[in-house]
Amino acid sequence: MWPGDVSPKSRRGILRRAVFSEEQRKELERTFRRQKYISKTDRNKLAADLSLKESQVKIWFQNRRMKWRNCKEKEIHNSRSPMDELMARGLAQEEEEPSQNYTDAKFTRSASEKSNRDT
């Protein structure tokens, strides 16, 4: 069925989703609060202390940094004042239709310039 009778799940290099104990999770979080990027030495020590593979700790830190970044971006977005939000929306709308506003302003300017020249 599979080449060499090896199913995809038992192939080397494919990791299943790790399920961490409460204690492991707490220690990983505690370490993450102190340092967002963990050195290889610290990663190996933490993995040994928690009875995890070094790759599991590495992936956990990668995923946790992504979660941290996303939360920071949401906080920044949610901290906008209502006026900032309206200004951002207004600027976005002006950028969508610049040609119409420009044409109207140009037409108005040239009409008023003509009337000033005629008098």
C-alpha atoms as a PDB file:
ATOM      1  CA  MET A   1       0.000   0.000   0.000  1.00  0.00           C
ATOM      2  CA  TRP A   2       2.552   2.654   1.150  1.00  0.00           C
ATOM      3  CA  PRO A   3       6.099   2.620  -0.236  1.00  0.00           C
ATOM      4  CA  GLY A   4       8.148   0.369   1.997  1.00  0.00           C
ATOM      5  CA  ASP A   5       5.046  -0.434   4.090  1.00  0.00           C
ATOM      6  CA  VAL A   6       5.440   2.805   6.055  1.00  0.00           C
ATOM      7  CA  SER A   7       2.229   4.697   6.763  1.00  0.00           C
ATOM      8  CA  PRO A   8       2.364   8.513   6.753  1.00  0.00           C
ATOM      9  CA  LYS A   9       1.797   8.694  10.528  1.00  0.00           C
ATOM     10  CA  SER A  10       4.779   6.514  11.365  1.00  0.00           C
ATOM     11  CA  ARG A  11       7.204   8.224   8.972  1.00  0.00           C
ATOM     12  CA  ARG A  12      10.214   9.741  10.647  1.00  0.00           C
ATOM     13  CA  GLY A  13      10.120  13.512  11.121  1.00  0.00           C
ATOM     14  CA  ILE A  14       6.360  13.933  11.412  1.00  0.00           C
ATOM     15  CA  LEU A  15       5.375  15.016  14.895  1.00  0.00           C
ATOM     16  CA  ARG A  16       1.938  14.658  16.360  1.00  0.00           C
ATOM     17  CA  ARG A  17       0.421  17.539  18.266  1.00  0.00           C
ATOM     18  CA  ALA A  18       1.986  17.710  21.715  1.00  0.00           C
ATOM     19  CA  VAL A  19      -0.283  17.801  24.739  1.00  0.00           C
ATOM     20  CA  PHE A  20       1.467  19.526  27.615  1.00  0.00           C
ATOM     21  CA  SER A  21       0.670  18.983  31.272  1.00  0.00           C
ATOM     22  CA  GLU A  22      -0.436  21.924  33.401  1.00  0.00           C
ATOM     23  CA  GLU A  23       2.977  21.976  35.100  1.00  0.00           C
ATOM     24  CA  GLN A  24       4.817  21.999  31.758  1.00  0.00           C
ATOM     25  CA  ARG A  25       2.600  24.780  30.429  1.00  0.00           C
ATOM     26  CA  LYS A  26       3.126  26.913  33.539  1.00  0.00           C
ATOM     27  CA  GLU A  27       6.902  26.556  33.344  1.00  0.00           C
ATOM     28  CA  LEU A  28       6.940  27.294  29.604  1.00  0.00           C
ATOM     29  CA  GLU A  29       4.824  30.429  30.197  1.00  0.00           C
ATOM     30  CA  ARG A  30       7.018  31.515  33.122  1.00  0.00           C
ATOM     31  CA  THR A  31      10.119  31.180  30.968  1.00  0.00           C
ATOM     32  CA  PHE A  32       8.432  33.002  28.074  1.00  0.00           C
ATOM     33  CA  ARG A  33       7.587  35.982  30.321  1.00  0.00           C
ATOM     34  CA  ARG A  34      11.289  36.310  31.153  1.00  0.00           C
ATOM     35  CA  GLN A  35      12.619  35.778  27.645  1.00  0.00           C
ATOM     36  CA  LYS A  36      10.674  35.779  24.382  1.00  0.00           C
ATOM     37  CA  TYR A  37      13.578  34.149  22.550  1.00  0.00           C
ATOM     38  CA  ILE A  38      15.188  31.165  24.230  1.00  0.00           C
ATOM     39  CA  SER A  39      18.788  30.174  23.530  1.00  0.00           C
ATOM     40  CA  LYS A  40      19.640  26.659  22.420  1.00  0.00           C
ATOM     41  CA  THR A  41      21.335  25.977  25.763  1.00  0.00           C
ATOM     42  CA  ASP A  42      18.325  27.183  27.758  1.00  0.00           C
ATOM     43  CA  ARG A  43      15.969  25.337  25.416  1.00  0.00           C
ATOM     44  CA  ASN A  44      17.825  22.044  25.936  1.00  0.00           C
ATOM     45  CA  LYS A  45      17.868  22.530  29.711  1.00  0.00           C
ATOM     46  CA  LEU A  46      14.158  23.418  29.827  1.00  0.00           C
ATOM     47  CA  ALA A  47      13.299  20.427  27.637  1.00  0.00           C
ATOM     48  CA  ALA A  48      15.262  18.102  29.936  1.00  0.00           C
ATOM     49  CA  ASP A  49      13.684  19.619  33.076  1.00  0.00           C
ATOM     50  CA  LEU A  50      10.167  19.186  31.651  1.00  0.00           C
ATOM     51  CA  SER A  51      10.790  15.767  30.030  1.00  0.00           C
ATOM     52  CA  LEU A  52      10.075  17.182  26.570  1.00  0.00           C
ATOM     53  CA  LYS A  53      11.916  17.022  23.279  1.00  0.00           C
ATOM     54  CA  GLU A  54      13.986  20.057  22.372  1.00  0.00           C
ATOM     55  CA  SER A  55      11.925  20.435  19.189  1.00  0.00           C
ATOM     56  CA  GLN A  56       8.696  20.565  21.217  1.00  0.00           C
ATOM     57  CA  VAL A  57      10.031  23.456  23.290  1.00  0.00           C
ATOM     58  CA  LYS A  58      11.292  25.210  20.155  1.00  0.00           C
ATOM     59  CA  ILE A  59       7.911  24.918  18.400  1.00  0.00           C
ATOM     60  CA  TRP A  60       6.056  25.952  21.564  1.00  0.00           C
ATOM     61  CA  PHE A  61       8.125  29.158  21.745  1.00  0.00           C
ATOM     62  CA  GLN A  62       7.547  29.883  18.041  1.00  0.00           C
ATOM     63  CA  ASN A  63       3.798  29.449  18.439  1.00  0.00           C
ATOM     64  CA  ARG A  64       3.722  31.454  21.655  1.00  0.00           C
ATOM     65  CA  ARG A  65       5.589  34.375  20.059  1.00  0.00           C
ATOM     66  CA  MET A  66       3.052  34.405  17.224  1.00  0.00           C
ATOM     67  CA  LYS A  67       0.195  34.475  19.746  1.00  0.00           C
ATOM     68  CA  TRP A  68       1.962  37.269  21.661  1.00  0.00           C
ATOM     69  CA  ARG A  69       2.412  39.369  18.496  1.00  0.00           C
ATOM     70  CA  ASN A  70      -1.220  38.906  17.482  1.00  0.00           C
ATOM     71  CA  CYS A  71      -2.416  39.959  20.943  1.00  0.00           C
ATOM     72  CA  LYS A  72      -0.183  43.059  20.828  1.00  0.00           C
ATOM     73  CA  GLU A  73      -1.600  44.043  17.428  1.00  0.00           C
ATOM     74  CA  LYS A  74      -5.176  43.614  18.669  1.00  0.00           C
ATOM     75  CA  GLU A  75      -4.427  45.758  21.733  1.00  0.00           C
ATOM     76  CA  ILE A  76      -3.013  48.510  19.536  1.00  0.00           C
ATOM     77  CA  HIS A  77      -6.020  48.347  17.230  1.00  0.00           C
ATOM     78  CA  ASN A  78      -8.492  48.344  20.140  1.00  0.00           C
ATOM     79  CA  SER A  79      -6.730  51.226  21.895  1.00  0.00           C
ATOM     80  CA  ARG A  80      -7.531  53.655  19.064  1.00  0.00           C
ATOM     81  CA  SER A  81      -9.782  56.486  20.121  1.00  0.00           C
ATOM     82  CA  PRO A  82     -13.098  56.860  18.269  1.00  0.00           C
ATOM     83  CA  MET A  83     -11.707  60.006  16.590  1.00  0.00           C
ATOM     84  CA  ASP A  84      -8.612  58.109  15.415  1.00  0.00           C
ATOM     85  CA  GLU A  85     -10.875  55.408  14.003  1.00  0.00           C
ATOM     86  CA  LEU A  86     -13.005  57.981  12.138  1.00  0.00           C
ATOM     87  CA  MET A  87      -9.898  59.725  10.832  1.00  0.00           C
ATOM     88  CA  ALA A  88      -8.479  56.415   9.599  1.00  0.00           C
ATOM     89  CA  ARG A  89     -11.762  55.588   7.856  1.00  0.00           C
ATOM     90  CA  GLY A  90     -12.037  59.081   6.375  1.00  0.00           C
ATOM     91  CA  LEU A  91      -8.510  58.960   5.003  1.00  0.00           C
ATOM     92  CA  ALA A  92      -9.146  55.535   3.529  1.00  0.00           C
ATOM     93  CA  GLN A  93     -12.287  56.803   1.763  1.00  0.00           C
ATOM     94  CA  GLU A  94     -10.447  59.845   0.382  1.00  0.00           C
ATOM     95  CA  GLU A  95      -7.737  57.573  -1.006  1.00  0.00           C
ATOM     96  CA  GLU A  96     -10.345  55.441  -2.768  1.00  0.00           C
ATOM     97  CA  GLU A  97     -11.853  58.365  -4.754  1.00  0.00           C
ATOM     98  CA  PRO A  98      -9.103  60.957  -5.267  1.00  0.00           C
ATOM     99  CA  SER A  99      -9.871  61.586  -8.956  1.00  0.00           C
ATOM    100  CA  GLN A 100     -13.417  62.858  -8.340  1.00  0.00           C
ATOM    101  CA  ASN A 101     -12.332  65.283  -5.612  1.00  0.00           C
ATOM    102  CA  TYR A 102      -9.384  66.476  -7.669  1.00  0.00           C
ATOM    103  CA  THR A 103     -11.543  67.078 -10.765  1.00  0.00           C
ATOM    104  CA  ASP A 104     -14.138  69.039  -8.774  1.00  0.00           C
ATOM    105  CA  ALA A 105     -11.469  71.206  -7.156  1.00  0.00           C
ATOM    106  CA  LYS A 106      -9.763  71.860 -10.496  1.00  0.00           C
ATOM    107  CA  PHE A 107     -13.065  72.797 -12.170  1.00  0.00           C
ATOM    108  CA  THR A 108     -14.053  75.118  -9.325  1.00  0.00           C
ATOM    109  CA  ARG A 109     -10.642  76.778  -9.289  1.00  0.00           C
ATOM    110  CA  SER A 110     -10.546  77.417 -13.032  1.00  0.00           C
ATOM    111  CA  ALA A 111     -14.093  78.833 -13.050  1.00  0.00           C
ATOM    112  CA  SER A 112     -13.274  81.252 -10.239  1.00  0.00           C
ATOM    113  CA  GLU A 113      -9.983  82.215 -11.889  1.00  0.00           C
ATOM    114  CA  LYS A 114     -11.857  83.073 -15.107  1.00  0.00           C
ATOM    115  CA  SER A 115     -14.361  85.267 -13.267  1.00  0.00           C
ATOM    116  CA  ASN A 116     -11.516  87.102 -11.502  1.00  0.00           C
ATOM    117  CA  ARG A 117      -9.762  87.724 -14.816  1.00  0.00           C
ATOM    118  CA  ASP A 118     -12.958  89.010 -16.463  1.00  0.00           C
ATOM    119  CA  THR A 119     -13.524  91.700 -13.836  1.00  0.00           C
END
